[in-house]
Amino acid sequence: MKISDKNLIKIIKAGSVGVLPSETLYGLMCLADSKKTVERLYKIRKRNPKRPCIILISKIKDLEIFGVKPSKEEKEFLKKYWPGAVSVILECKSKKFEFLHRGTETLAFRMPKKKNLKDLISKTGPILAPSANPEGKSTALTIKEAKKYFTDEVDFYVPAGKLEKKASTLVKLRNGKVEILRQGETKINNLTENK
């Protein structure tokens, strides 16, 4: 049964966990600001409790929700690569969001290019979005594969055919320097970014 966008917004805002397509791969997603829902997602995914997950946002201003204030250089980098398949790790020292940064005092954010996903996030608020697989297993490329992993443990599945792109590129920004932790869908050259 296909879920309408309107119902999907309601379901997510009600605290559900489900499998949704991102612009790269399928993700196991839930509201990022609900501690209870986030802990449920960690349990379903068998996620290492010390590892934070990537958060999808719809605009740079969403970073303020998490008390994250990028520097001028960091903002320039974000504007250059967002929206797009680049996840950026920024400092987040807020104790309020310890359930997200898991004591690392950093959070990874991405602003998707996919219009319907970006529109969804603008209505639900930021979404936690690790890839759709239990920790250590291969990422589900189809909803059928995701259902094998999660069965009825999750509340909904949104199919979008087979998704075979690489994961997002993961970078860490600190003191105007760019450290590439994972080269993914979007190529970033260390030498051109570090000044």
N, C-alpha and C. Protein backbone atom coordinates (compact mmCIF):
# COMPACT_ATOMS: atom_id res chain seq x y z
N MET A 1 0.84 -1.20 0.00
CA MET A 1 0.00 0.00 0.00
C MET A 1 0.88 1.26 0.00
N LYS A 2 0.61 2.14 -0.97
CA LYS A 2 1.42 3.35 -1.08
C LYS A 2 0.97 4.38 -0.03
N ILE A 3 1.94 4.98 0.63
CA ILE A 3 1.62 6.00 1.64
C ILE A 3 1.68 7.37 0.98
N SER A 4 0.63 8.19 1.16
CA SER A 4 0.66 9.54 0.60
C SER A 4 1.65 10.39 1.39
N ASP A 5 2.15 11.47 0.75
CA ASP A 5 3.11 12.36 1.42
C ASP A 5 2.54 12.93 2.71
N LYS A 6 1.25 13.26 2.65
CA LYS A 6 0.58 13.84 3.82
C LYS A 6 0.58 12.85 4.99
N ASN A 7 0.25 11.60 4.69
CA ASN A 7 0.23 10.56 5.73
C ASN A 7 1.63 10.24 6.23
N LEU A 8 2.61 10.27 5.30
CA LEU A 8 3.99 9.99 5.67
C LEU A 8 4.50 11.02 6.68
N ILE A 9 4.16 12.27 6.46
CA ILE A 9 4.54 13.34 7.40
C ILE A 9 3.94 13.06 8.77
N LYS A 10 2.65 12.72 8.79
CA LYS A 10 1.95 12.41 10.06
C LYS A 10 2.60 11.23 10.78
N ILE A 11 2.89 10.16 10.01
CA ILE A 11 3.47 8.94 10.58
C ILE A 11 4.83 9.23 11.21
N ILE A 12 5.66 9.98 10.49
CA ILE A 12 7.01 10.29 11.00
C ILE A 12 6.91 11.18 12.24
N LYS A 13 6.04 12.20 12.17
CA LYS A 13 5.90 13.12 13.30
C LYS A 13 5.32 12.43 14.54
N ALA A 14 4.62 11.31 14.30
CA ALA A 14 4.04 10.55 15.43
C ALA A 14 5.07 9.67 16.12
N GLY A 15 6.30 9.64 15.57
CA GLY A 15 7.37 8.88 16.23
C GLY A 15 7.64 7.51 15.62
N SER A 16 7.31 7.36 14.34
CA SER A 16 7.54 6.07 13.68
C SER A 16 8.97 5.94 13.17
N VAL A 17 9.37 4.70 12.94
CA VAL A 17 10.67 4.39 12.33
C VAL A 17 10.36 3.62 11.04
N GLY A 18 10.97 4.03 9.92
CA GLY A 18 10.69 3.35 8.66
C GLY A 18 11.84 3.41 7.68
N VAL A 19 11.67 2.71 6.57
CA VAL A 19 12.70 2.68 5.52
C VAL A 19 12.26 3.58 4.38
N LEU A 20 13.14 4.55 4.07
CA LEU A 20 12.84 5.55 3.03
C LEU A 20 14.03 5.67 2.08
N PRO A 21 13.76 6.02 0.80
CA PRO A 21 14.89 6.24 -0.10
C PRO A 21 15.51 7.63 0.14
N SER A 22 16.84 7.69 0.18
CA SER A 22 17.51 9.00 0.18
C SER A 22 18.00 9.22 -1.24
N GLU A 23 18.86 10.21 -1.46
CA GLU A 23 19.35 10.42 -2.83
C GLU A 23 20.48 9.46 -3.18
N THR A 24 20.93 8.67 -2.19
CA THR A 24 21.99 7.70 -2.46
C THR A 24 21.50 6.27 -2.25
N LEU A 25 21.07 5.96 -1.04
CA LEU A 25 20.67 4.59 -0.68
C LEU A 25 19.38 4.63 0.15
N TYR A 26 18.86 3.46 0.47
CA TYR A 26 17.73 3.42 1.42
C TYR A 26 18.27 3.69 2.82
N GLY A 27 17.49 4.44 3.59
CA GLY A 27 17.87 4.73 4.96
C GLY A 27 16.80 4.26 5.93
N LEU A 28 17.24 3.93 7.14
CA LEU A 28 16.31 3.63 8.23
C LEU A 28 16.12 4.96 8.94
N MET A 29 14.92 5.52 8.89
CA MET A 29 14.75 6.91 9.29
C MET A 29 13.72 7.13 10.39
N CYS A 30 13.97 8.19 11.18
CA CYS A 30 13.01 8.63 12.20
C CYS A 30 13.32 10.08 12.55
N LEU A 31 12.43 10.71 13.30
CA LEU A 31 12.66 12.09 13.74
C LEU A 31 13.93 12.17 14.58
N ALA A 32 14.75 13.18 14.31
CA ALA A 32 16.03 13.29 15.03
C ALA A 32 15.87 13.87 16.43
N ASP A 33 14.78 14.60 16.68
CA ASP A 33 14.68 15.26 17.99
C ASP A 33 13.88 14.47 19.03
N SER A 34 13.54 13.22 18.71
CA SER A 34 12.79 12.39 19.65
C SER A 34 13.72 11.31 20.22
N LYS A 35 14.14 11.49 21.46
CA LYS A 35 15.08 10.56 22.09
C LYS A 35 14.52 9.12 22.08
N LYS A 36 13.26 8.99 22.43
CA LYS A 36 12.62 7.67 22.49
C LYS A 36 12.68 6.97 21.13
N THR A 37 12.35 7.71 20.07
CA THR A 37 12.34 7.14 18.72
C THR A 37 13.76 6.81 18.25
N VAL A 38 14.70 7.70 18.57
CA VAL A 38 16.11 7.49 18.20
C VAL A 38 16.63 6.20 18.86
N GLU A 39 16.32 6.02 20.14
CA GLU A 39 16.78 4.81 20.84
C GLU A 39 16.15 3.55 20.22
N ARG A 40 14.91 3.68 19.77
CA ARG A 40 14.24 2.54 19.12
C ARG A 40 14.95 2.20 17.80
N LEU A 41 15.30 3.25 17.03
CA LEU A 41 16.01 3.03 15.77
C LEU A 41 17.35 2.32 16.03
N TYR A 42 18.09 2.76 17.06
CA TYR A 42 19.37 2.12 17.40
C TYR A 42 19.17 0.64 17.70
N LYS A 43 18.10 0.34 18.42
CA LYS A 43 17.81 -1.06 18.80
C LYS A 43 17.48 -1.90 17.56
N ILE A 44 16.62 -1.36 16.68
CA ILE A 44 16.22 -2.08 15.47
C ILE A 44 17.43 -2.34 14.58
N ARG A 45 18.29 -1.34 14.46
CA ARG A 45 19.43 -1.44 13.54
C ARG A 45 20.62 -2.16 14.17
N LYS A 46 20.51 -2.46 15.48
CA LYS A 46 21.63 -3.05 16.23
C LYS A 46 22.88 -2.16 16.09
N ARG A 47 22.63 -0.86 16.18
CA ARG A 47 23.68 0.15 15.99
C ARG A 47 24.56 0.25 17.23
N ASN A 48 25.86 0.37 17.02
CA ASN A 48 26.79 0.59 18.13
C ASN A 48 26.34 1.85 18.88
N PRO A 49 26.01 1.76 20.18
CA PRO A 49 25.47 2.90 20.91
C PRO A 49 26.43 4.08 21.03
N LYS A 50 27.70 3.86 20.71
CA LYS A 50 28.67 4.96 20.81
C LYS A 50 28.82 5.72 19.50
N ARG A 51 28.19 5.21 18.43
CA ARG A 51 28.35 5.85 17.11
C ARG A 51 27.15 6.70 16.74
N PRO A 52 27.37 8.01 16.48
CA PRO A 52 26.26 8.86 16.04
C PRO A 52 25.83 8.48 14.61
N CYS A 53 24.62 8.88 14.24
CA CYS A 53 24.12 8.65 12.87
C CYS A 53 24.05 9.99 12.13
N ILE A 54 23.96 9.92 10.82
CA ILE A 54 23.81 11.13 10.00
C ILE A 54 22.39 11.68 10.14
N ILE A 55 22.29 13.01 10.20
CA ILE A 55 21.00 13.70 10.31
C ILE A 55 20.74 14.45 9.01
N LEU A 56 19.56 14.25 8.44
CA LEU A 56 19.17 14.96 7.22
C LEU A 56 18.42 16.23 7.59
N ILE A 57 18.80 17.34 6.95
CA ILE A 57 18.15 18.63 7.20
C ILE A 57 17.67 19.22 5.87
N SER A 58 16.77 20.22 5.95
CA SER A 58 16.24 20.80 4.71
C SER A 58 16.87 22.15 4.39
N LYS A 59 17.52 22.77 5.38
CA LYS A 59 18.17 24.07 5.15
C LYS A 59 19.27 24.28 6.20
N ILE A 60 20.25 25.13 5.87
CA ILE A 60 21.38 25.36 6.79
C ILE A 60 20.89 25.86 8.15
N LYS A 61 19.83 26.64 8.14
CA LYS A 61 19.28 27.19 9.39
C LYS A 61 18.86 26.08 10.38
N ASP A 62 18.56 24.89 9.86
CA ASP A 62 18.18 23.75 10.73
C ASP A 62 19.29 23.38 11.72
N LEU A 63 20.53 23.74 11.40
CA LEU A 63 21.65 23.42 12.30
C LEU A 63 21.46 24.09 13.66
N GLU A 64 20.78 25.25 13.65
CA GLU A 64 20.53 26.00 14.89
C GLU A 64 19.71 25.19 15.90
N ILE A 65 18.86 24.30 15.39
CA ILE A 65 18.03 23.45 16.27
C ILE A 65 18.92 22.67 17.23
N PHE A 66 20.11 22.30 16.74
CA PHE A 66 21.04 21.47 17.52
C PHE A 66 22.15 22.30 18.19
N GLY A 67 21.96 23.62 18.17
CA GLY A 67 22.96 24.50 18.78
C GLY A 67 24.26 24.53 18.01
N VAL A 68 24.22 24.16 16.73
CA VAL A 68 25.43 24.14 15.89
C VAL A 68 25.53 25.46 15.14
N LYS A 69 26.66 26.13 15.33
CA LYS A 69 26.88 27.43 14.67
C LYS A 69 28.14 27.37 13.83
N PRO A 70 27.99 27.06 12.52
CA PRO A 70 29.17 26.95 11.67
C PRO A 70 29.87 28.29 11.50
N SER A 71 31.20 28.25 11.39
CA SER A 71 31.98 29.47 11.16
C SER A 71 31.74 29.94 9.72
N LYS A 72 32.27 31.10 9.39
CA LYS A 72 32.11 31.66 8.04
C LYS A 72 32.68 30.69 7.00
N GLU A 73 33.88 30.14 7.28
CA GLU A 73 34.51 29.19 6.34
C GLU A 73 33.67 27.92 6.20
N GLU A 74 33.15 27.45 7.33
CA GLU A 74 32.33 26.24 7.30
C GLU A 74 31.05 26.47 6.49
N LYS A 75 30.45 27.65 6.68
CA LYS A 75 29.23 27.99 5.92
C LYS A 75 29.51 28.01 4.42
N GLU A 76 30.66 28.55 4.05
CA GLU A 76 31.04 28.61 2.62
C GLU A 76 31.15 27.20 2.05
N PHE A 77 31.75 26.30 2.83
CA PHE A 77 31.88 24.90 2.40
C PHE A 77 30.50 24.27 2.23
N LEU A 78 29.62 24.48 3.22
CA LEU A 78 28.27 23.90 3.18
C LEU A 78 27.50 24.41 1.97
N LYS A 79 27.61 25.71 1.69
CA LYS A 79 26.89 26.29 0.55
C LYS A 79 27.41 25.74 -0.77
N LYS A 80 28.70 25.38 -0.78
CA LYS A 80 29.30 24.84 -2.01
C LYS A 80 28.80 23.42 -2.30
N TYR A 81 28.64 22.60 -1.26
CA TYR A 81 28.32 21.18 -1.46
C TYR A 81 26.88 20.80 -1.14
N TRP A 82 26.13 21.69 -0.53
CA TRP A 82 24.72 21.41 -0.21
C TRP A 82 23.81 22.20 -1.11
N PRO A 83 22.65 21.65 -1.50
CA PRO A 83 22.24 20.27 -1.26
C PRO A 83 23.07 19.30 -2.10
N GLY A 84 23.27 18.10 -1.56
CA GLY A 84 24.04 17.09 -2.27
C GLY A 84 24.46 15.95 -1.36
N ALA A 85 25.16 14.98 -1.95
CA ALA A 85 25.51 13.75 -1.23
C ALA A 85 26.81 13.89 -0.42
N VAL A 86 26.87 14.95 0.38
CA VAL A 86 28.03 15.19 1.24
C VAL A 86 27.54 15.35 2.68
N SER A 87 28.00 14.45 3.55
CA SER A 87 27.66 14.53 4.98
C SER A 87 28.82 15.20 5.70
N VAL A 88 28.49 16.20 6.50
CA VAL A 88 29.51 17.03 7.13
C VAL A 88 29.43 16.92 8.66
N ILE A 89 30.57 16.58 9.28
CA ILE A 89 30.63 16.47 10.74
C ILE A 89 31.00 17.83 11.33
N LEU A 90 30.13 18.31 12.23
CA LEU A 90 30.34 19.61 12.89
C LEU A 90 30.27 19.42 14.40
N GLU A 91 30.86 20.36 15.12
CA GLU A 91 30.84 20.29 16.59
C GLU A 91 29.44 20.52 17.14
N CYS A 92 29.08 19.70 18.12
CA CYS A 92 27.80 19.88 18.84
C CYS A 92 28.06 19.51 20.29
N LYS A 93 28.29 20.51 21.12
CA LYS A 93 28.67 20.24 22.52
C LYS A 93 27.46 20.18 23.45
N SER A 94 26.26 20.40 22.91
CA SER A 94 25.06 20.46 23.73
C SER A 94 24.75 19.13 24.42
N LYS A 95 24.60 19.19 25.75
CA LYS A 95 24.24 17.99 26.54
C LYS A 95 22.82 17.52 26.17
N LYS A 96 22.00 18.48 25.77
CA LYS A 96 20.62 18.19 25.39
C LYS A 96 20.56 17.16 24.26
N PHE A 97 21.58 17.19 23.39
CA PHE A 97 21.58 16.29 22.24
C PHE A 97 22.60 15.15 22.37
N GLU A 98 22.88 14.80 23.62
CA GLU A 98 23.82 13.69 23.87
C GLU A 98 23.28 12.38 23.30
N PHE A 99 21.94 12.25 23.26
CA PHE A 99 21.34 11.03 22.70
C PHE A 99 21.60 10.93 21.20
N LEU A 100 22.02 12.05 20.58
CA LEU A 100 22.38 12.03 19.16
C LEU A 100 23.89 11.96 18.94
N HIS A 101 24.64 12.79 19.70
CA HIS A 101 26.10 12.77 19.47
C HIS A 101 26.81 11.67 20.27
N ARG A 102 26.08 11.00 21.16
CA ARG A 102 26.56 9.82 21.89
C ARG A 102 27.90 10.08 22.59
N GLY A 103 28.07 11.32 23.09
CA GLY A 103 29.29 11.65 23.83
C GLY A 103 30.46 12.10 22.97
N THR A 104 30.29 12.07 21.64
CA THR A 104 31.39 12.47 20.74
C THR A 104 31.48 13.99 20.60
N GLU A 105 30.38 14.67 20.97
CA GLU A 105 30.26 16.14 20.84
C GLU A 105 30.42 16.60 19.39
N THR A 106 30.07 15.71 18.46
CA THR A 106 30.01 16.08 17.04
C THR A 106 28.77 15.40 16.44
N LEU A 107 28.23 16.04 15.40
CA LEU A 107 27.11 15.46 14.66
C LEU A 107 27.37 15.60 13.17
N ALA A 108 26.93 14.61 12.40
CA ALA A 108 27.05 14.66 10.93
C ALA A 108 25.71 15.05 10.33
N PHE A 109 25.75 16.03 9.42
CA PHE A 109 24.53 16.52 8.77
C PHE A 109 24.65 16.42 7.26
N ARG A 110 23.50 16.25 6.62
CA ARG A 110 23.46 16.29 5.15
C ARG A 110 22.16 16.97 4.71
N MET A 111 22.26 17.78 3.67
CA MET A 111 21.07 18.36 3.07
C MET A 111 20.85 17.68 1.72
N PRO A 112 19.83 16.83 1.61
CA PRO A 112 19.62 16.09 0.36
C PRO A 112 19.24 16.99 -0.80
N LYS A 113 19.62 16.53 -2.00
CA LYS A 113 19.27 17.26 -3.22
C LYS A 113 17.88 16.84 -3.70
N LYS A 114 17.50 15.61 -3.36
CA LYS A 114 16.22 15.03 -3.81
C LYS A 114 15.06 15.89 -3.31
N LYS A 115 14.32 16.48 -4.24
CA LYS A 115 13.31 17.48 -3.86
C LYS A 115 12.23 16.94 -2.92
N ASN A 116 11.68 15.75 -3.23
CA ASN A 116 10.58 15.25 -2.38
C ASN A 116 11.06 14.92 -0.96
N LEU A 117 12.33 14.48 -0.83
CA LEU A 117 12.88 14.19 0.50
C LEU A 117 13.12 15.49 1.27
N LYS A 118 13.66 16.48 0.56
CA LYS A 118 13.93 17.79 1.19
C LYS A 118 12.61 18.43 1.64
N ASP A 119 11.58 18.32 0.79
CA ASP A 119 10.25 18.87 1.14
C ASP A 119 9.67 18.16 2.36
N LEU A 120 9.86 16.84 2.40
CA LEU A 120 9.38 16.04 3.54
C LEU A 120 10.04 16.52 4.84
N ILE A 121 11.36 16.68 4.80
CA ILE A 121 12.11 17.10 6.00
C ILE A 121 11.71 18.52 6.43
N SER A 122 11.40 19.38 5.45
CA SER A 122 10.99 20.75 5.80
C SER A 122 9.68 20.74 6.58
N LYS A 123 8.88 19.66 6.41
CA LYS A 123 7.59 19.56 7.12
C LYS A 123 7.67 18.74 8.41
N THR A 124 8.59 17.75 8.45
CA THR A 124 8.69 16.90 9.64
C THR A 124 9.72 17.45 10.64
N GLY A 125 10.72 18.16 10.12
CA GLY A 125 11.88 18.53 10.92
C GLY A 125 12.99 17.54 10.62
N PRO A 126 14.23 17.81 11.09
CA PRO A 126 15.38 16.95 10.79
C PRO A 126 15.14 15.48 11.10
N ILE A 127 15.72 14.62 10.24
CA ILE A 127 15.50 13.17 10.32
C ILE A 127 16.83 12.44 10.47
N LEU A 128 16.85 11.49 11.40
CA LEU A 128 18.02 10.62 11.58
C LEU A 128 17.98 9.59 10.46
N ALA A 129 19.13 9.34 9.80
CA ALA A 129 19.06 8.50 8.61
C ALA A 129 20.29 7.63 8.36
N PRO A 130 20.55 6.63 9.22
CA PRO A 130 21.61 5.68 8.87
C PRO A 130 21.13 4.79 7.72
N SER A 131 22.05 4.11 7.05
CA SER A 131 21.65 3.24 5.94
C SER A 131 20.76 2.09 6.45
N ALA A 132 19.96 1.55 5.53
CA ALA A 132 18.96 0.54 5.90
C ALA A 132 19.57 -0.86 5.95
N ASN A 133 20.29 -1.11 7.03
CA ASN A 133 20.86 -2.44 7.27
C ASN A 133 21.26 -2.55 8.73
N PRO A 134 21.21 -3.75 9.30
CA PRO A 134 21.75 -3.91 10.65
C PRO A 134 23.26 -3.66 10.59
N GLU A 135 23.82 -3.16 11.68
CA GLU A 135 25.25 -2.85 11.73
C GLU A 135 26.09 -4.06 11.27
N GLY A 136 27.03 -3.79 10.36
CA GLY A 136 27.93 -4.84 9.87
C GLY A 136 27.41 -5.63 8.68
N LYS A 137 26.13 -5.41 8.31
CA LYS A 137 25.55 -6.13 7.14
C LYS A 137 25.57 -5.21 5.92
N SER A 138 25.36 -5.80 4.73
CA SER A 138 25.32 -5.01 3.49
C SER A 138 24.06 -4.14 3.48
N THR A 139 24.20 -2.95 2.88
CA THR A 139 23.05 -2.05 2.77
C THR A 139 21.98 -2.65 1.87
N ALA A 140 20.74 -2.55 2.29
CA ALA A 140 19.61 -3.02 1.48
C ALA A 140 19.49 -2.15 0.23
N LEU A 141 19.52 -2.78 -0.95
CA LEU A 141 19.41 -2.03 -2.20
C LEU A 141 17.96 -1.95 -2.68
N THR A 142 17.12 -2.81 -2.11
CA THR A 142 15.69 -2.82 -2.46
C THR A 142 14.86 -2.93 -1.18
N ILE A 143 13.57 -2.65 -1.31
CA ILE A 143 12.67 -2.77 -0.15
C ILE A 143 12.56 -4.24 0.27
N LYS A 144 12.61 -5.15 -0.70
CA LYS A 144 12.55 -6.58 -0.40
C LYS A 144 13.71 -6.96 0.55
N GLU A 145 14.92 -6.47 0.24
CA GLU A 145 16.09 -6.75 1.08
C GLU A 145 15.91 -6.12 2.47
N ALA A 146 15.38 -4.88 2.50
CA ALA A 146 15.16 -4.19 3.77
C ALA A 146 14.16 -4.96 4.63
N LYS A 147 13.12 -5.51 3.99
CA LYS A 147 12.10 -6.27 4.73
C LYS A 147 12.67 -7.57 5.31
N LYS A 148 13.64 -8.14 4.61
CA LYS A 148 14.32 -9.35 5.14
C LYS A 148 15.05 -9.01 6.43
N TYR A 149 15.65 -7.82 6.47
CA TYR A 149 16.38 -7.39 7.66
C TYR A 149 15.45 -7.03 8.81
N PHE A 150 14.44 -6.21 8.51
CA PHE A 150 13.67 -5.58 9.59
C PHE A 150 12.25 -6.11 9.78
N THR A 151 11.76 -6.90 8.84
CA THR A 151 10.40 -7.47 8.89
C THR A 151 9.38 -6.44 9.41
N ASP A 152 8.66 -6.80 10.49
CA ASP A 152 7.64 -5.87 11.01
C ASP A 152 8.16 -5.05 12.20
N GLU A 153 9.48 -5.04 12.38
CA GLU A 153 10.05 -4.22 13.46
C GLU A 153 9.92 -2.73 13.15
N VAL A 154 9.88 -2.41 11.84
CA VAL A 154 9.71 -0.99 11.46
C VAL A 154 8.25 -0.75 11.09
N ASP A 155 7.87 0.52 11.09
CA ASP A 155 6.45 0.87 10.92
C ASP A 155 6.02 1.05 9.47
N PHE A 156 6.96 1.36 8.58
CA PHE A 156 6.57 1.57 7.18
C PHE A 156 7.78 1.40 6.25
N TYR A 157 7.47 1.13 4.98
CA TYR A 157 8.48 1.02 3.93
C TYR A 157 8.02 1.86 2.75
N VAL A 158 8.93 2.67 2.19
CA VAL A 158 8.60 3.47 1.00
C VAL A 158 9.50 3.00 -0.15
N PRO A 159 8.92 2.27 -1.12
CA PRO A 159 9.75 1.73 -2.21
C PRO A 159 10.11 2.79 -3.26
N ALA A 160 11.30 2.62 -3.86
CA ALA A 160 11.73 3.50 -4.96
C ALA A 160 12.64 2.71 -5.90
N GLY A 161 12.29 1.43 -6.13
CA GLY A 161 13.09 0.59 -7.01
C GLY A 161 14.42 0.22 -6.36
N LYS A 162 15.39 -0.12 -7.22
CA LYS A 162 16.72 -0.53 -6.72
C LYS A 162 17.61 0.71 -6.62
N LEU A 163 18.21 0.91 -5.46
CA LEU A 163 19.11 2.05 -5.26
C LEU A 163 20.53 1.51 -5.09
N GLU A 164 21.40 1.86 -6.05
CA GLU A 164 22.75 1.29 -6.03
C GLU A 164 23.86 2.33 -6.01
N LYS A 165 23.54 3.54 -5.64
CA LYS A 165 24.59 4.57 -5.60
C LYS A 165 25.52 4.32 -4.42
N LYS A 166 26.66 5.00 -4.43
CA LYS A 166 27.56 4.92 -3.27
C LYS A 166 26.95 5.72 -2.13
N ALA A 167 27.44 5.45 -0.93
CA ALA A 167 27.00 6.25 0.23
C ALA A 167 27.50 7.68 0.05
N SER A 168 27.02 8.58 0.89
CA SER A 168 27.47 9.97 0.80
C SER A 168 28.95 10.08 1.17
N THR A 169 29.58 11.13 0.67
CA THR A 169 30.96 11.45 1.07
C THR A 169 30.88 12.01 2.49
N LEU A 170 31.78 11.57 3.37
CA LEU A 170 31.74 12.01 4.77
C LEU A 170 32.99 12.85 5.06
N VAL A 171 32.78 14.08 5.49
CA VAL A 171 33.91 14.96 5.79
C VAL A 171 33.77 15.56 7.18
N LYS A 172 34.91 15.91 7.76
CA LYS A 172 34.93 16.56 9.06
C LYS A 172 35.51 17.95 8.87
N LEU A 173 34.80 18.97 9.38
CA LEU A 173 35.28 20.35 9.30
C LEU A 173 35.80 20.78 10.66
N ARG A 174 37.02 21.27 10.68
CA ARG A 174 37.57 21.78 11.93
C ARG A 174 38.61 22.87 11.63
N ASN A 175 38.42 24.01 12.25
CA ASN A 175 39.34 25.15 12.08
C ASN A 175 39.62 25.46 10.61
N GLY A 176 38.57 25.42 9.81
CA GLY A 176 38.72 25.74 8.38
C GLY A 176 39.36 24.64 7.55
N LYS A 177 39.71 23.52 8.19
CA LYS A 177 40.33 22.38 7.47
C LYS A 177 39.28 21.32 7.17
N VAL A 178 39.47 20.66 6.04
CA VAL A 178 38.54 19.61 5.63
C VAL A 178 39.25 18.26 5.67
N GLU A 179 38.69 17.34 6.45
CA GLU A 179 39.26 15.99 6.52
C GLU A 179 38.25 15.03 5.90
N ILE A 180 38.67 14.32 4.86
CA ILE A 180 37.76 13.37 4.20
C ILE A 180 37.85 12.02 4.91
N LEU A 181 36.73 11.60 5.50
CA LEU A 181 36.70 10.32 6.23
C LEU A 181 36.19 9.19 5.35
N ARG A 182 35.35 9.55 4.35
CA ARG A 182 34.84 8.54 3.42
C ARG A 182 34.56 9.21 2.08
N GLN A 183 35.25 8.75 1.05
CA GLN A 183 35.00 9.30 -0.30
C GLN A 183 33.82 8.53 -0.87
N GLY A 184 32.73 9.22 -1.14
CA GLY A 184 31.52 8.54 -1.58
C GLY A 184 31.00 9.05 -2.90
N GLU A 185 29.69 9.26 -2.97
CA GLU A 185 29.00 9.64 -4.20
C GLU A 185 29.56 10.94 -4.79
N THR A 186 29.89 11.92 -3.96
CA THR A 186 30.43 13.20 -4.43
C THR A 186 31.92 13.24 -4.16
N LYS A 187 32.69 13.47 -5.20
CA LYS A 187 34.16 13.51 -5.03
C LYS A 187 34.59 14.88 -4.49
N ILE A 188 35.40 14.83 -3.44
CA ILE A 188 35.98 16.05 -2.88
C ILE A 188 37.48 15.86 -2.83
N ASN A 189 38.20 16.86 -3.29
CA ASN A 189 39.66 16.79 -3.29
C ASN A 189 40.23 17.49 -2.07
N ASN A 190 40.89 16.72 -1.23
CA ASN A 190 41.53 17.28 -0.02
C ASN A 190 42.37 18.50 -0.31
N LEU A 191 43.18 18.39 -1.38
CA LEU A 191 44.15 19.45 -1.68
C LEU A 191 43.48 20.76 -2.05
N THR A 192 42.34 20.68 -2.73
CA THR A 192 41.68 21.92 -3.13
C THR A 192 40.91 22.54 -1.98
N GLU A 193 40.49 21.70 -1.02
CA GLU A 193 39.69 22.23 0.08
C GLU A 193 40.55 22.80 1.21
N ASN A 194 41.65 22.12 1.53
CA ASN A 194 42.52 22.61 2.62
C ASN A 194 43.37 23.76 2.13
N LYS A 195 43.30 24.85 2.86
CA LYS A 195 44.10 26.02 2.45
C LYS A 195 45.20 26.24 3.44
